[in-house]
Amino acid sequence: MKTVADHWNEIFQKTEEEKLGWHENDYAQTLKLLNPVREWKSAKIFVSGVGTSALVDLLSETNAELVLNDISSAAIEKLKQRYRNKKQNFKWLCQDISEPLPVALDDIDIWIDRAVLHFLTDEYAIEGYFRNVHAAVKTGGYALFAEFSKTGATRCAGLDVRRYDLDDLKKHLTAFELVTSDEYTYINPTGNPRPYLYALFKKKD
């Protein structure tokens, strides 16, 4: 029986980066929410479901310490090969983001989730995910989300997705307060519009 990890490994092994449905070269929308965070360029940043995203290229040009996670070992291996000859400040993690994170992984300054949470449709998995956010992000730290909005697609990468609005996120982020949010329509590589909700939360003191 094919596992979730098998599903994602197959996608990253067989599909060119530029043809992935979420491929993006312009990260201005992410930076729009990230830039108000003081000293983010020297922060400890956890990237959930990093895939083979070029966002890592942008983040790696700063002094940030990056913790890069994905359920797909194929995606992680591709990233490792991309950066094998470059100076890195990376920690690699390959696991299901709904399962407990390593105990040693704490004091995260910024948690970044670009289109990962919406792939979790089981309530147990969703609760596990948010337990990780609460446990990993330090007091005064931030969590940045980019998820399919309520008007967004119902499926992606051959999987059903769960769409979000601000009330949905707030319900789960009980230790956080909303800093800012934005509706954003991303045009994917096939030219189709994908409405997203972007939101930045801060963990309460």
C-alpha atoms as a PDB file:
ATOM      1  CA  MET A   1       0.000   0.000   0.000  1.00  0.00           C
ATOM      2  CA  LYS A   2       1.370   3.395  -1.014  1.00  0.00           C
ATOM      3  CA  THR A   3       2.134   5.685   1.931  1.00  0.00           C
ATOM      4  CA  VAL A   4       1.895   9.476   1.965  1.00  0.00           C
ATOM      5  CA  ALA A   5       5.698   9.597   1.826  1.00  0.00           C
ATOM      6  CA  ASP A   6       5.649   7.283  -1.226  1.00  0.00           C
ATOM      7  CA  HIS A   7       3.146   9.594  -2.936  1.00  0.00           C
ATOM      8  CA  TRP A   8       5.356  12.646  -2.465  1.00  0.00           C
ATOM      9  CA  ASN A   9       8.568  10.811  -3.318  1.00  0.00           C
ATOM     10  CA  GLU A  10       7.032   9.778  -6.631  1.00  0.00           C
ATOM     11  CA  ILE A  11       6.060  13.369  -7.402  1.00  0.00           C
ATOM     12  CA  PHE A  12       9.500  14.787  -6.661  1.00  0.00           C
ATOM     13  CA  GLN A  13      11.268  11.978  -8.500  1.00  0.00           C
ATOM     14  CA  LYS A  14       9.181  12.203 -11.679  1.00  0.00           C
ATOM     15  CA  THR A  15       8.308  15.901 -12.007  1.00  0.00           C
ATOM     16  CA  GLU A  16      10.647  18.692 -12.978  1.00  0.00           C
ATOM     17  CA  GLU A  17      10.755  21.519 -10.455  1.00  0.00           C
ATOM     18  CA  GLU A  18       9.390  24.089 -12.919  1.00  0.00           C
ATOM     19  CA  LYS A  19       6.351  21.901 -13.663  1.00  0.00           C
ATOM     20  CA  LEU A  20       5.266  21.356 -10.072  1.00  0.00           C
ATOM     21  CA  GLY A  21       1.846  22.903  -9.474  1.00  0.00           C
ATOM     22  CA  TRP A  22       3.178  25.071  -6.640  1.00  0.00           C
ATOM     23  CA  HIS A  23       6.434  26.142  -8.322  1.00  0.00           C
ATOM     24  CA  GLU A  24       7.140  29.808  -7.799  1.00  0.00           C
ATOM     25  CA  ASN A  25      10.059  32.099  -8.577  1.00  0.00           C
ATOM     26  CA  ASP A  26       8.665  35.280  -7.041  1.00  0.00           C
ATOM     27  CA  TYR A  27       8.476  35.210  -3.256  1.00  0.00           C
ATOM     28  CA  ALA A  28       7.381  38.811  -2.851  1.00  0.00           C
ATOM     29  CA  GLN A  29       4.145  37.740  -1.142  1.00  0.00           C
ATOM     30  CA  THR A  30       6.036  35.710   1.451  1.00  0.00           C
ATOM     31  CA  LEU A  31       8.460  38.583   2.025  1.00  0.00           C
ATOM     32  CA  LYS A  32       5.556  40.992   2.387  1.00  0.00           C
ATOM     33  CA  LEU A  33       4.554  39.159   5.557  1.00  0.00           C
ATOM     34  CA  LEU A  34       8.074  38.267   6.649  1.00  0.00           C
ATOM     35  CA  ASN A  35       9.719  41.676   6.391  1.00  0.00           C
ATOM     36  CA  PRO A  36       7.797  43.257   9.317  1.00  0.00           C
ATOM     37  CA  VAL A  37       9.457  40.676  11.604  1.00  0.00           C
ATOM     38  CA  ARG A  38      12.493  42.329  13.103  1.00  0.00           C
ATOM     39  CA  GLU A  39      15.821  40.577  12.467  1.00  0.00           C
ATOM     40  CA  TRP A  40      14.246  37.724  10.498  1.00  0.00           C
ATOM     41  CA  LYS A  41      17.431  37.488   8.463  1.00  0.00           C
ATOM     42  CA  SER A  42      19.306  36.222  11.515  1.00  0.00           C
ATOM     43  CA  ALA A  43      16.455  34.146  12.953  1.00  0.00           C
ATOM     44  CA  LYS A  44      16.066  30.413  13.451  1.00  0.00           C
ATOM     45  CA  ILE A  45      13.534  29.494  10.769  1.00  0.00           C
ATOM     46  CA  PHE A  46      11.650  26.220  10.444  1.00  0.00           C
ATOM     47  CA  VAL A  47      10.326  25.522   6.933  1.00  0.00           C
ATOM     48  CA  SER A  48       7.543  22.956   6.989  1.00  0.00           C
ATOM     49  CA  GLY A  49       7.163  20.842   3.864  1.00  0.00           C
ATOM     50  CA  VAL A  50      10.036  22.586   2.145  1.00  0.00           C
ATOM     51  CA  GLY A  51       9.956  20.316  -0.923  1.00  0.00           C
ATOM     52  CA  THR A  52      12.488  21.643  -3.428  1.00  0.00           C
ATOM     53  CA  SER A  53      11.353  25.227  -3.055  1.00  0.00           C
ATOM     54  CA  ALA A  54      13.542  28.055  -4.311  1.00  0.00           C
ATOM     55  CA  LEU A  55      12.483  29.916  -1.177  1.00  0.00           C
ATOM     56  CA  VAL A  56      15.504  28.195   0.374  1.00  0.00           C
ATOM     57  CA  ASP A  57      17.727  30.061  -2.110  1.00  0.00           C
ATOM     58  CA  LEU A  58      16.374  33.349  -0.812  1.00  0.00           C
ATOM     59  CA  LEU A  59      16.602  32.393   2.862  1.00  0.00           C
ATOM     60  CA  SER A  60      20.112  30.972   2.456  1.00  0.00           C
ATOM     61  CA  GLU A  61      21.401  34.377   1.348  1.00  0.00           C
ATOM     62  CA  THR A  62      20.772  35.684   4.875  1.00  0.00           C
ATOM     63  CA  ASN A  63      22.318  34.770   8.220  1.00  0.00           C
ATOM     64  CA  ALA A  64      19.249  32.771   9.214  1.00  0.00           C
ATOM     65  CA  GLU A  65      19.610  29.283  10.648  1.00  0.00           C
ATOM     66  CA  LEU A  66      17.313  27.018   8.633  1.00  0.00           C
ATOM     67  CA  VAL A  67      15.587  23.831   9.738  1.00  0.00           C
ATOM     68  CA  LEU A  68      14.266  22.236   6.550  1.00  0.00           C
ATOM     69  CA  ASN A  69      11.631  19.512   6.842  1.00  0.00           C
ATOM     70  CA  ASP A  70       9.728  17.417   4.340  1.00  0.00           C
ATOM     71  CA  ILE A  71       7.995  14.059   4.429  1.00  0.00           C
ATOM     72  CA  SER A  72       9.665  13.252   1.088  1.00  0.00           C
ATOM     73  CA  SER A  73      13.207  11.903   1.309  1.00  0.00           C
ATOM     74  CA  ALA A  74      13.485  12.476  -2.462  1.00  0.00           C
ATOM     75  CA  ALA A  75      12.814  16.205  -2.014  1.00  0.00           C
ATOM     76  CA  ILE A  76      15.308  16.468   0.846  1.00  0.00           C
ATOM     77  CA  GLU A  77      17.960  14.660  -1.186  1.00  0.00           C
ATOM     78  CA  LYS A  78      17.432  17.011  -4.147  1.00  0.00           C
ATOM     79  CA  LEU A  79      17.915  20.008  -1.866  1.00  0.00           C
ATOM     80  CA  LYS A  80      21.035  18.505  -0.345  1.00  0.00           C
ATOM     81  CA  GLN A  81      22.487  18.011  -3.807  1.00  0.00           C
ATOM     82  CA  ARG A  82      21.629  21.582  -4.773  1.00  0.00           C
ATOM     83  CA  TYR A  83      23.579  22.960  -1.821  1.00  0.00           C
ATOM     84  CA  ARG A  84      26.356  20.392  -1.573  1.00  0.00           C
ATOM     85  CA  ASN A  85      29.031  22.855  -2.719  1.00  0.00           C
ATOM     86  CA  LYS A  86      27.679  25.889  -0.887  1.00  0.00           C
ATOM     87  CA  LYS A  87      28.177  27.158   2.629  1.00  0.00           C
ATOM     88  CA  GLN A  88      25.144  26.150   4.671  1.00  0.00           C
ATOM     89  CA  ASN A  89      23.515  26.864   7.964  1.00  0.00           C
ATOM     90  CA  PHE A  90      20.938  24.099   7.560  1.00  0.00           C
ATOM     91  CA  LYS A  91      19.488  21.314   9.656  1.00  0.00           C
ATOM     92  CA  TRP A  92      17.703  18.569   7.759  1.00  0.00           C
ATOM     93  CA  LEU A  93      14.589  16.773   8.942  1.00  0.00           C
ATOM     94  CA  CYS A  94      12.541  14.198   7.036  1.00  0.00           C
ATOM     95  CA  GLN A  95       9.285  13.355   8.781  1.00  0.00           C
ATOM     96  CA  ASP A  96       5.502  13.666   8.763  1.00  0.00           C
ATOM     97  CA  ILE A  97       4.837  17.161  10.119  1.00  0.00           C
ATOM     98  CA  SER A  98       1.785  15.896  12.019  1.00  0.00           C
ATOM     99  CA  GLU A  99       3.960  13.570  14.132  1.00  0.00           C
ATOM    100  CA  PRO A 100       5.872  14.872  17.192  1.00  0.00           C
ATOM    101  CA  LEU A 101       9.015  16.774  16.275  1.00  0.00           C
ATOM    102  CA  PRO A 102      12.361  15.903  17.885  1.00  0.00           C
ATOM    103  CA  VAL A 103      12.553  17.130  21.490  1.00  0.00           C
ATOM    104  CA  ALA A 104      15.755  18.994  20.687  1.00  0.00           C
ATOM    105  CA  LEU A 105      13.928  21.090  18.098  1.00  0.00           C
ATOM    106  CA  ASP A 106      12.681  24.090  20.040  1.00  0.00           C
ATOM    107  CA  ASP A 107      13.094  27.849  20.274  1.00  0.00           C
ATOM    108  CA  ILE A 108      12.075  28.399  16.654  1.00  0.00           C
ATOM    109  CA  ASP A 109      11.870  32.109  15.852  1.00  0.00           C
ATOM    110  CA  ILE A 110       9.770  31.744  12.695  1.00  0.00           C
ATOM    111  CA  TRP A 111       7.706  28.822  11.419  1.00  0.00           C
ATOM    112  CA  ILE A 112       6.987  29.027   7.682  1.00  0.00           C
ATOM    113  CA  ASP A 113       4.289  26.900   6.065  1.00  0.00           C
ATOM    114  CA  ARG A 114       3.712  27.495   2.388  1.00  0.00           C
ATOM    115  CA  ALA A 115       0.940  25.132   1.239  1.00  0.00           C
ATOM    116  CA  VAL A 116       1.560  22.231   3.624  1.00  0.00           C
ATOM    117  CA  LEU A 117      -1.132  22.426   6.281  1.00  0.00           C
ATOM    118  CA  HIS A 118      -3.942  22.255   3.740  1.00  0.00           C
ATOM    119  CA  PHE A 119      -2.843  18.727   2.741  1.00  0.00           C
ATOM    120  CA  LEU A 120      -3.728  17.481   6.231  1.00  0.00           C
ATOM    121  CA  THR A 121      -7.403  16.491   6.185  1.00  0.00           C
ATOM    122  CA  ASP A 122      -7.581  14.110   9.149  1.00  0.00           C
ATOM    123  CA  GLU A 123      -8.460  15.815  12.451  1.00  0.00           C
ATOM    124  CA  TYR A 124      -5.842  13.833  14.366  1.00  0.00           C
ATOM    125  CA  ALA A 125      -3.140  14.927  11.906  1.00  0.00           C
ATOM    126  CA  ILE A 126      -4.272  18.559  12.041  1.00  0.00           C
ATOM    127  CA  GLU A 127      -4.180  18.586  15.838  1.00  0.00           C
ATOM    128  CA  GLY A 128      -0.738  16.970  15.783  1.00  0.00           C
ATOM    129  CA  TYR A 129       0.491  19.631  13.390  1.00  0.00           C
ATOM    130  CA  PHE A 130      -0.661  22.490  15.595  1.00  0.00           C
ATOM    131  CA  ARG A 131       0.795  20.841  18.699  1.00  0.00           C
ATOM    132  CA  ASN A 132       4.119  20.989  16.915  1.00  0.00           C
ATOM    133  CA  VAL A 133       3.681  24.684  16.105  1.00  0.00           C
ATOM    134  CA  HIS A 134       2.873  25.505  19.718  1.00  0.00           C
ATOM    135  CA  ALA A 135       5.753  23.412  21.058  1.00  0.00           C
ATOM    136  CA  ALA A 136       8.440  24.543  18.625  1.00  0.00           C
ATOM    137  CA  VAL A 137       7.848  28.292  18.277  1.00  0.00           C
ATOM    138  CA  LYS A 138       9.273  30.256  21.186  1.00  0.00           C
ATOM    139  CA  THR A 139       7.386  32.956  23.072  1.00  0.00           C
ATOM    140  CA  GLY A 140       7.422  36.079  20.917  1.00  0.00           C
ATOM    141  CA  GLY A 141       8.134  33.987  17.823  1.00  0.00           C
ATOM    142  CA  TYR A 142       6.104  33.917  14.626  1.00  0.00           C
ATOM    143  CA  ALA A 143       4.200  31.498  12.403  1.00  0.00           C
ATOM    144  CA  LEU A 144       3.594  32.342   8.751  1.00  0.00           C
ATOM    145  CA  PHE A 145       0.980  30.413   6.764  1.00  0.00           C
ATOM    146  CA  ALA A 146       0.064  30.309   3.080  1.00  0.00           C
ATOM    147  CA  GLU A 147      -2.861  27.924   2.559  1.00  0.00           C
ATOM    148  CA  PHE A 148      -5.648  27.403   0.040  1.00  0.00           C
ATOM    149  CA  SER A 149      -8.437  29.834   0.916  1.00  0.00           C
ATOM    150  CA  LYS A 150     -12.117  28.929   1.134  1.00  0.00           C
ATOM    151  CA  THR A 151     -12.463  29.891  -2.533  1.00  0.00           C
ATOM    152  CA  GLY A 152      -9.384  27.887  -3.512  1.00  0.00           C
ATOM    153  CA  ALA A 153      -8.943  24.495  -5.144  1.00  0.00           C
ATOM    154  CA  THR A 154     -10.359  21.399  -3.441  1.00  0.00           C
ATOM    155  CA  ARG A 155      -7.575  19.116  -4.701  1.00  0.00           C
ATOM    156  CA  CYS A 156      -3.865  19.437  -5.394  1.00  0.00           C
ATOM    157  CA  ALA A 157      -1.153  16.952  -6.392  1.00  0.00           C
ATOM    158  CA  GLY A 158      -3.798  14.246  -6.648  1.00  0.00           C
ATOM    159  CA  LEU A 159      -4.925  14.722  -3.047  1.00  0.00           C
ATOM    160  CA  ASP A 160      -7.921  16.287  -1.337  1.00  0.00           C
ATOM    161  CA  VAL A 161      -7.114  19.446   0.609  1.00  0.00           C
ATOM    162  CA  ARG A 162      -8.671  21.337   3.500  1.00  0.00           C
ATOM    163  CA  ARG A 163      -9.241  25.012   2.799  1.00  0.00           C
ATOM    164  CA  TYR A 164      -8.771  27.723   5.416  1.00  0.00           C
ATOM    165  CA  ASP A 165      -9.967  31.133   6.532  1.00  0.00           C
ATOM    166  CA  LEU A 166      -8.672  33.243   9.410  1.00  0.00           C
ATOM    167  CA  ASP A 167     -11.201  31.861  11.888  1.00  0.00           C
ATOM    168  CA  ASP A 168      -9.993  28.323  11.161  1.00  0.00           C
ATOM    169  CA  LEU A 169      -6.380  29.271  11.864  1.00  0.00           C
ATOM    170  CA  LYS A 170      -7.241  31.279  14.966  1.00  0.00           C
ATOM    171  CA  LYS A 171      -9.196  28.343  16.382  1.00  0.00           C
ATOM    172  CA  HIS A 172      -6.064  26.212  16.358  1.00  0.00           C
ATOM    173  CA  LEU A 173      -3.494  28.889  17.224  1.00  0.00           C
ATOM    174  CA  THR A 174      -4.737  29.558  20.742  1.00  0.00           C
ATOM    175  CA  ALA A 175      -1.345  30.752  22.004  1.00  0.00           C
ATOM    176  CA  PHE A 176      -0.901  33.151  19.092  1.00  0.00           C
ATOM    177  CA  GLU A 177      -2.313  36.481  17.992  1.00  0.00           C
ATOM    178  CA  LEU A 178      -2.849  37.625  14.413  1.00  0.00           C
ATOM    179  CA  VAL A 179      -0.347  40.187  13.144  1.00  0.00           C
ATOM    180  CA  THR A 180      -1.477  40.541   9.541  1.00  0.00           C
ATOM    181  CA  SER A 181      -3.183  38.621   6.748  1.00  0.00           C
ATOM    182  CA  ASP A 182      -3.751  38.910   3.030  1.00  0.00           C
ATOM    183  CA  GLU A 183      -5.728  37.262   0.244  1.00  0.00           C
ATOM    184  CA  TYR A 184      -3.472  36.373  -2.661  1.00  0.00           C
ATOM    185  CA  THR A 185      -4.142  34.637  -5.971  1.00  0.00           C
ATOM    186  CA  TYR A 186      -1.207  32.630  -7.248  1.00  0.00           C
ATOM    187  CA  ILE A 187      -1.058  31.679 -10.930  1.00  0.00           C
ATOM    188  CA  ASN A 188       0.407  28.199 -11.179  1.00  0.00           C
ATOM    189  CA  PRO A 189       2.682  26.913 -13.974  1.00  0.00           C
ATOM    190  CA  THR A 190      -0.318  25.779 -16.052  1.00  0.00           C
ATOM    191  CA  GLY A 191      -1.853  29.251 -15.869  1.00  0.00           C
ATOM    192  CA  ASN A 192      -4.618  28.403 -13.410  1.00  0.00           C
ATOM    193  CA  PRO A 193      -5.446  30.796 -10.542  1.00  0.00           C
ATOM    194  CA  ARG A 194      -5.045  29.466  -7.000  1.00  0.00           C
ATOM    195  CA  PRO A 195      -6.550  31.686  -4.273  1.00  0.00           C
ATOM    196  CA  TYR A 196      -4.490  31.602  -1.080  1.00  0.00           C
ATOM    197  CA  LEU A 197      -4.812  32.963   2.431  1.00  0.00           C
ATOM    198  CA  TYR A 198      -1.552  34.364   3.807  1.00  0.00           C
ATOM    199  CA  ALA A 199      -1.396  35.042   7.544  1.00  0.00           C
ATOM    200  CA  LEU A 200       1.275  35.930  10.089  1.00  0.00           C
ATOM    201  CA  PHE A 201       0.787  35.126  13.790  1.00  0.00           C
ATOM    202  CA  LYS A 202       2.893  35.980  16.836  1.00  0.00           C
ATOM    203  CA  LYS A 203       3.140  33.770  19.911  1.00  0.00           C
ATOM    204  CA  LYS A 204       1.859  35.640  22.939  1.00  0.00           C
ATOM    205  CA  ASP A 205       4.155  36.587  25.816  1.00  0.00           C
END
